[in-house]
PDB file of all heavy atoms in Angstrom:
ATOM      1  N   ASP A   1     122.566  50.344 127.857  1.00  0.00           N
ATOM      2  CA  ASP A   1     121.673  49.441 127.107  1.00  0.00           C
ATOM      3  C   ASP A   1     120.598  48.855 128.013  1.00  0.00           C
ATOM      4  O   ASP A   1     119.442  48.686 127.592  1.00  0.00           O
ATOM      5  CB  ASP A   1     122.486  48.314 126.459  1.00  0.00           C
ATOM      6  CG  ASP A   1     123.314  48.784 125.273  1.00  0.00           C
ATOM      7  OD1 ASP A   1     123.014  49.861 124.721  1.00  0.00           O
ATOM      8  OD2 ASP A   1     124.272  48.069 124.888  1.00  0.00           O
ATOM      9  N   MET A   2     120.965  48.520 129.246  1.00  0.00           N
ATOM     10  CA  MET A   2     119.984  47.957 130.183  1.00  0.00           C
ATOM     11  C   MET A   2     118.852  48.947 130.447  1.00  0.00           C
ATOM     12  O   MET A   2     117.664  48.587 130.387  1.00  0.00           O
ATOM     13  CB  MET A   2     120.670  47.592 131.506  1.00  0.00           C
ATOM     14  CG  MET A   2     121.586  46.389 131.424  1.00  0.00           C
ATOM     15  SD  MET A   2     122.685  46.273 132.863  1.00  0.00           S
ATOM     16  CE  MET A   2     121.508  45.994 134.160  1.00  0.00           C
ATOM     17  N   VAL A   3     119.203  50.174 130.743  1.00  0.00           N
ATOM     18  CA  VAL A   3     118.200  51.187 131.058  1.00  0.00           C
ATOM     19  C   VAL A   3     117.354  51.498 129.829  1.00  0.00           C
ATOM     20  O   VAL A   3     116.131  51.668 129.921  1.00  0.00           O
ATOM     21  CB  VAL A   3     118.880  52.465 131.600  1.00  0.00           C
ATOM     22  CG1 VAL A   3     117.865  53.589 131.774  1.00  0.00           C
ATOM     23  CG2 VAL A   3     119.587  52.180 132.917  1.00  0.00           C
ATOM     24  N   GLN A   4     118.009  51.554 128.672  1.00  0.00           N
ATOM     25  CA  GLN A   4     117.275  51.857 127.443  1.00  0.00           C
ATOM     26  C   GLN A   4     116.264  50.759 127.118  1.00  0.00           C
ATOM     27  O   GLN A   4     115.111  51.049 126.771  1.00  0.00           O
ATOM     28  CB  GLN A   4     118.267  52.014 126.282  1.00  0.00           C
ATOM     29  CG  GLN A   4     117.645  52.577 125.012  1.00  0.00           C
ATOM     30  CD  GLN A   4     117.159  53.999 125.190  1.00  0.00           C
ATOM     31  OE1 GLN A   4     117.707  54.750 125.993  1.00  0.00           O
ATOM     32  NE2 GLN A   4     116.100  54.363 124.475  1.00  0.00           N
ATOM     33  N   ARG A   5     116.676  49.504 127.230  1.00  0.00           N
ATOM     34  CA  ARG A   5     115.771  48.395 126.913  1.00  0.00           C
ATOM     35  C   ARG A   5     114.599  48.350 127.892  1.00  0.00           C
ATOM     36  O   ARG A   5     113.456  48.090 127.506  1.00  0.00           O
ATOM     37  CB  ARG A   5     116.529  47.071 126.939  1.00  0.00           C
ATOM     38  CG  ARG A   5     115.675  45.872 126.481  1.00  0.00           C
ATOM     39  CD  ARG A   5     116.496  44.597 126.551  1.00  0.00           C
ATOM     40  NE  ARG A   5     115.729  43.440 126.120  1.00  0.00           N
ATOM     41  CZ  ARG A   5     115.757  42.927 124.897  1.00  0.00           C
ATOM     42  NH1 ARG A   5     116.510  43.482 123.951  1.00  0.00           N
ATOM     43  NH2 ARG A   5     115.034  41.853 124.590  1.00  0.00           N
ATOM     44  N   ALA A   6     114.875  48.605 129.184  1.00  0.00           N
ATOM     45  CA  ALA A   6     113.818  48.582 130.198  1.00  0.00           C
ATOM     46  C   ALA A   6     112.941  49.827 130.127  1.00  0.00           C
ATOM     47  O   ALA A   6     111.843  49.847 130.692  1.00  0.00           O
ATOM     48  CB  ALA A   6     114.437  48.467 131.586  1.00  0.00           C
ATOM     49  N   ASN A   7     113.471  50.877 129.466  1.00  0.00           N
ATOM     50  CA  ASN A   7     112.815  52.187 129.445  1.00  0.00           C
ATOM     51  C   ASN A   7     112.599  52.700 130.865  1.00  0.00           C
ATOM     52  O   ASN A   7     111.599  53.347 131.171  1.00  0.00           O
ATOM     53  CB  ASN A   7     111.485  52.139 128.679  1.00  0.00           C
ATOM     54  CG  ASN A   7     110.981  53.525 128.320  1.00  0.00           C
ATOM     55  OD1 ASN A   7     111.774  54.457 128.112  1.00  0.00           O
ATOM     56  ND2 ASN A   7     109.667  53.694 128.265  1.00  0.00           N
ATOM     57  N   SER A   8     113.571  52.368 131.726  1.00  0.00           N
ATOM     58  CA  SER A   8     113.459  52.714 133.143  1.00  0.00           C
ATOM     59  C   SER A   8     114.813  52.488 133.800  1.00  0.00           C
ATOM     60  O   SER A   8     115.496  51.501 133.501  1.00  0.00           O
ATOM     61  CB  SER A   8     112.394  51.833 133.810  1.00  0.00           C
ATOM     62  OG  SER A   8     112.375  52.002 135.203  1.00  0.00           O
ATOM     63  N   GLY A   9     115.180  53.403 134.698  1.00  0.00           N
ATOM     64  CA  GLY A   9     116.420  53.198 135.434  1.00  0.00           C
ATOM     65  C   GLY A   9     117.290  54.439 135.473  1.00  0.00           C
ATOM     66  O   GLY A   9     116.848  55.541 135.125  1.00  0.00           O
ATOM     67  N   HIS A  10     118.550  54.243 135.886  1.00  0.00           N
ATOM     68  CA  HIS A  10     119.457  55.347 136.164  1.00  0.00           C
ATOM     69  C   HIS A  10     120.792  55.106 135.456  1.00  0.00           C
ATOM     70  O   HIS A  10     121.672  54.427 136.012  1.00  0.00           O
ATOM     71  CB  HIS A  10     119.689  55.478 137.676  1.00  0.00           C
ATOM     72  CG  HIS A  10     118.431  55.653 138.464  1.00  0.00           C
ATOM     73  ND1 HIS A  10     117.571  54.605 138.736  1.00  0.00           N
ATOM     74  CD2 HIS A  10     117.882  56.757 139.036  1.00  0.00           C
ATOM     75  CE1 HIS A  10     116.549  55.056 139.446  1.00  0.00           C
ATOM     76  NE2 HIS A  10     116.705  56.353 139.642  1.00  0.00           N
ATOM     77  N   PRO A  11     120.997  55.679 134.287  1.00  0.00           N
ATOM     78  CA  PRO A  11     122.260  55.453 133.574  1.00  0.00           C
ATOM     79  C   PRO A  11     123.412  56.334 134.051  1.00  0.00           C
ATOM     80  O   PRO A  11     124.579  55.979 133.905  1.00  0.00           O
ATOM     81  CB  PRO A  11     121.900  55.794 132.125  1.00  0.00           C
ATOM     82  CG  PRO A  11     120.807  56.825 132.249  1.00  0.00           C
ATOM     83  CD  PRO A  11     120.020  56.447 133.489  1.00  0.00           C
ATOM     84  N   GLY A  12     123.106  57.485 134.644  1.00  0.00           N
ATOM     85  CA  GLY A  12     124.138  58.474 134.949  1.00  0.00           C
ATOM     86  C   GLY A  12     125.197  57.995 135.909  1.00  0.00           C
ATOM     87  O   GLY A  12     126.404  58.125 135.645  1.00  0.00           O
ATOM     88  N   ALA A  13     124.784  57.449 137.066  1.00  0.00           N
ATOM     89  CA  ALA A  13     125.746  57.005 138.077  1.00  0.00           C
ATOM     90  C   ALA A  13     126.618  55.848 137.585  1.00  0.00           C
ATOM     91  O   ALA A  13     127.846  55.878 137.765  1.00  0.00           O
ATOM     92  CB  ALA A  13     125.028  56.635 139.370  1.00  0.00           C
ATOM     93  N   PRO A  14     126.050  54.812 136.951  1.00  0.00           N
ATOM     94  CA  PRO A  14     126.906  53.727 136.453  1.00  0.00           C
ATOM     95  C   PRO A  14     127.963  54.207 135.458  1.00  0.00           C
ATOM     96  O   PRO A  14     129.113  53.756 135.499  1.00  0.00           O
ATOM     97  CB  PRO A  14     125.912  52.780 135.780  1.00  0.00           C
ATOM     98  CG  PRO A  14     124.618  53.032 136.468  1.00  0.00           C
ATOM     99  CD  PRO A  14     124.613  54.486 136.788  1.00  0.00           C
ATOM    100  N   MET A  15     127.591  55.134 134.586  1.00  0.00           N
ATOM    101  CA  MET A  15     128.554  55.625 133.597  1.00  0.00           C
ATOM    102  C   MET A  15     129.627  56.483 134.268  1.00  0.00           C
ATOM    103  O   MET A  15     130.803  56.442 133.888  1.00  0.00           O
ATOM    104  CB  MET A  15     127.833  56.401 132.505  1.00  0.00           C
ATOM    105  CG  MET A  15     126.851  55.543 131.709  1.00  0.00           C
ATOM    106  SD  MET A  15     126.038  56.413 130.358  1.00  0.00           S
ATOM    107  CE  MET A  15     127.336  56.409 129.122  1.00  0.00           C
ATOM    108  N   GLY A  16     129.244  57.234 135.301  1.00  0.00           N
ATOM    109  CA  GLY A  16     130.214  58.057 136.010  1.00  0.00           C
ATOM    110  C   GLY A  16     131.158  57.254 136.878  1.00  0.00           C
ATOM    111  O   GLY A  16     132.298  57.674 137.125  1.00  0.00           O
ATOM    112  N   LEU A  17     130.702  56.088 137.347  1.00  0.00           N
ATOM    113  CA  LEU A  17     131.508  55.265 138.258  1.00  0.00           C
ATOM    114  C   LEU A  17     132.291  54.160 137.550  1.00  0.00           C
ATOM    115  O   LEU A  17     133.029  53.413 138.193  1.00  0.00           O
ATOM    116  CB  LEU A  17     130.590  54.611 139.302  1.00  0.00           C
ATOM    117  CG  LEU A  17     130.144  55.499 140.460  1.00  0.00           C
ATOM    118  CD1 LEU A  17     128.975  54.856 141.206  1.00  0.00           C
ATOM    119  CD2 LEU A  17     131.300  55.744 141.425  1.00  0.00           C
ATOM    120  N   ALA A  18     132.144  54.038 136.249  1.00  0.00           N
ATOM    121  CA  ALA A  18     132.727  52.899 135.540  1.00  0.00           C
ATOM    122  C   ALA A  18     134.247  52.828 135.694  1.00  0.00           C
ATOM    123  O   ALA A  18     134.819  51.738 135.873  1.00  0.00           O
ATOM    124  CB  ALA A  18     132.343  52.962 134.062  1.00  0.00           C
ATOM    125  N   ASP A  19     134.922  53.969 135.631  1.00  0.00           N
ATOM    126  CA  ASP A  19     136.389  53.947 135.759  1.00  0.00           C
ATOM    127  C   ASP A  19     136.813  53.475 137.145  1.00  0.00           C
ATOM    128  O   ASP A  19     137.769  52.697 137.295  1.00  0.00           O
ATOM    129  CB  ASP A  19     136.946  55.347 135.480  1.00  0.00           C
ATOM    130  CG  ASP A  19     136.578  55.857 134.091  1.00  0.00           C
ATOM    131  OD1 ASP A  19     136.729  55.086 133.134  1.00  0.00           O
ATOM    132  OD2 ASP A  19     136.123  57.010 133.984  1.00  0.00           O
ATOM    133  N   ILE A  20     136.098  53.946 138.160  1.00  0.00           N
ATOM    134  CA  ILE A  20     136.391  53.511 139.537  1.00  0.00           C
ATOM    135  C   ILE A  20     136.139  52.015 139.682  1.00  0.00           C
ATOM    136  O   ILE A  20     136.921  51.302 140.325  1.00  0.00           O
ATOM    137  CB  ILE A  20     135.529  54.311 140.531  1.00  0.00           C
ATOM    138  CG1 ILE A  20     135.952  55.788 140.513  1.00  0.00           C
ATOM    139  CG2 ILE A  20     135.624  53.742 141.941  1.00  0.00           C
ATOM    140  CD1 ILE A  20     135.003  56.708 141.240  1.00  0.00           C
ATOM    141  N   ALA A  21     135.055  51.524 139.074  1.00  0.00           N
ATOM    142  CA  ALA A  21     134.714  50.102 139.181  1.00  0.00           C
ATOM    143  C   ALA A  21     135.807  49.217 138.595  1.00  0.00           C
ATOM    144  O   ALA A  21     136.097  48.137 139.122  1.00  0.00           O
ATOM    145  CB  ALA A  21     133.385  49.838 138.483  1.00  0.00           C
ATOM    146  N   VAL A  22     136.417  49.657 137.514  1.00  0.00           N
ATOM    147  CA  VAL A  22     137.477  48.857 136.892  1.00  0.00           C
ATOM    148  C   VAL A  22     138.678  48.738 137.833  1.00  0.00           C
ATOM    149  O   VAL A  22     139.221  47.644 138.041  1.00  0.00           O
ATOM    150  CB  VAL A  22     137.907  49.487 135.547  1.00  0.00           C
ATOM    151  CG1 VAL A  22     139.193  48.843 135.036  1.00  0.00           C
ATOM    152  CG2 VAL A  22     136.793  49.314 134.519  1.00  0.00           C
ATOM    153  N   VAL A  23     139.087  49.852 138.432  1.00  0.00           N
ATOM    154  CA  VAL A  23     140.235  49.808 139.346  1.00  0.00           C
ATOM    155  C   VAL A  23     139.868  49.050 140.624  1.00  0.00           C
ATOM    156  O   VAL A  23     140.682  48.284 141.162  1.00  0.00           O
ATOM    157  CB  VAL A  23     140.726  51.230 139.677  1.00  0.00           C
ATOM    158  CG1 VAL A  23     141.929  51.175 140.605  1.00  0.00           C
ATOM    159  CG2 VAL A  23     141.076  51.981 138.396  1.00  0.00           C
ATOM    160  N   LEU A  24     138.648  49.233 141.099  1.00  0.00           N
ATOM    161  CA  LEU A  24     138.200  48.483 142.279  1.00  0.00           C
ATOM    162  C   LEU A  24     138.292  46.983 142.027  1.00  0.00           C
ATOM    163  O   LEU A  24     138.645  46.207 142.931  1.00  0.00           O
ATOM    164  CB  LEU A  24     136.762  48.875 142.633  1.00  0.00           C
ATOM    165  CG  LEU A  24     136.109  48.145 143.807  1.00  0.00           C
ATOM    166  CD1 LEU A  24     136.884  48.376 145.101  1.00  0.00           C
ATOM    167  CD2 LEU A  24     134.658  48.604 143.977  1.00  0.00           C
ATOM    168  N   SER A  25     137.995  46.556 140.799  1.00  0.00           N
ATOM    169  CA  SER A  25     138.080  45.130 140.456  1.00  0.00           C
ATOM    170  C   SER A  25     139.482  44.574 140.692  1.00  0.00           C
ATOM    171  O   SER A  25     139.641  43.387 141.005  1.00  0.00           O
ATOM    172  CB  SER A  25     137.697  44.922 138.980  1.00  0.00           C
ATOM    173  OG  SER A  25     136.360  45.274 138.740  1.00  0.00           O
ATOM    174  N   GLU A  26     140.483  45.430 140.557  1.00  0.00           N
ATOM    175  CA  GLU A  26     141.867  44.990 140.745  1.00  0.00           C
ATOM    176  C   GLU A  26     142.225  44.848 142.225  1.00  0.00           C
ATOM    177  O   GLU A  26     143.186  44.164 142.573  1.00  0.00           O
ATOM    178  CB  GLU A  26     142.812  45.991 140.073  1.00  0.00           C
ATOM    179  CG  GLU A  26     142.605  46.126 138.575  1.00  0.00           C
ATOM    180  CD  GLU A  26     143.370  47.314 137.990  1.00  0.00           C
ATOM    181  OE1 GLU A  26     144.380  47.736 138.605  1.00  0.00           O
ATOM    182  OE2 GLU A  26     142.953  47.832 136.934  1.00  0.00           O
ATOM    183  N   HIS A  27     141.461  45.504 143.099  1.00  0.00           N
ATOM    184  CA  HIS A  27     141.768  45.493 144.537  1.00  0.00           C
ATOM    185  C   HIS A  27     140.857  44.567 145.336  1.00  0.00           C
ATOM    186  O   HIS A  27     141.214  44.147 146.441  1.00  0.00           O
ATOM    187  CB  HIS A  27     141.651  46.916 145.099  1.00  0.00           C
ATOM    188  CG  HIS A  27     142.750  47.826 144.670  1.00  0.00           C
ATOM    189  ND1 HIS A  27     143.902  48.034 145.415  1.00  0.00           N
ATOM    190  CD2 HIS A  27     142.900  48.586 143.549  1.00  0.00           C
ATOM    191  CE1 HIS A  27     144.691  48.877 144.787  1.00  0.00           C
ATOM    192  NE2 HIS A  27     144.111  49.241 143.646  1.00  0.00           N
ATOM    193  N   LEU A  28     139.712  44.258 144.815  1.00  0.00           N
ATOM    194  CA  LEU A  28     138.680  43.533 145.565  1.00  0.00           C
ATOM    195  C   LEU A  28     139.026  42.054 145.691  1.00  0.00           C
ATOM    196  O   LEU A  28     139.277  41.373 144.685  1.00  0.00           O
ATOM    197  CB  LEU A  28     137.330  43.697 144.859  1.00  0.00           C
ATOM    198  CG  LEU A  28     136.077  43.319 145.643  1.00  0.00           C
ATOM    199  CD1 LEU A  28     135.819  44.308 146.777  1.00  0.00           C
ATOM    200  CD2 LEU A  28     134.860  43.288 144.693  1.00  0.00           C
ATOM    201  N   ASN A  29     139.038  41.534 146.915  1.00  0.00           N
ATOM    202  CA  ASN A  29     139.234  40.102 147.163  1.00  0.00           C
ATOM    203  C   ASN A  29     137.873  39.442 147.354  1.00  0.00           C
ATOM    204  O   ASN A  29     137.207  39.665 148.366  1.00  0.00           O
ATOM    205  CB  ASN A  29     140.097  39.880 148.404  1.00  0.00           C
ATOM    206  CG  ASN A  29     141.536  40.311 148.197  1.00  0.00           C
ATOM    207  OD1 ASN A  29     142.036  40.327 147.079  1.00  0.00           O
ATOM    208  ND2 ASN A  29     142.207  40.692 149.271  1.00  0.00           N
ATOM    209  N   HIS A  30     137.464  38.656 146.379  1.00  0.00           N
ATOM    210  CA  HIS A  30     136.161  37.992 146.436  1.00  0.00           C
ATOM    211  C   HIS A  30     136.223  36.733 145.594  1.00  0.00           C
ATOM    212  O   HIS A  30     137.161  36.547 144.809  1.00  0.00           O
ATOM    213  CB  HIS A  30     135.055  38.927 145.934  1.00  0.00           C
ATOM    214  CG  HIS A  30     135.217  39.370 144.506  1.00  0.00           C
ATOM    215  ND1 HIS A  30     134.258  39.196 143.538  1.00  0.00           N
ATOM    216  CD2 HIS A  30     136.252  39.991 143.866  1.00  0.00           C
ATOM    217  CE1 HIS A  30     134.684  39.691 142.386  1.00  0.00           C
ATOM    218  NE2 HIS A  30     135.885  40.180 142.569  1.00  0.00           N
TER     219      HIS A  30
END
């Protein structure tokens, strides 16, 4: 949605990394 609204950007990498990001959230101390 962000890329579509801006009509600019890179949707491919965020969509491909989303599963990793969720698991990383469980390990990240911040």
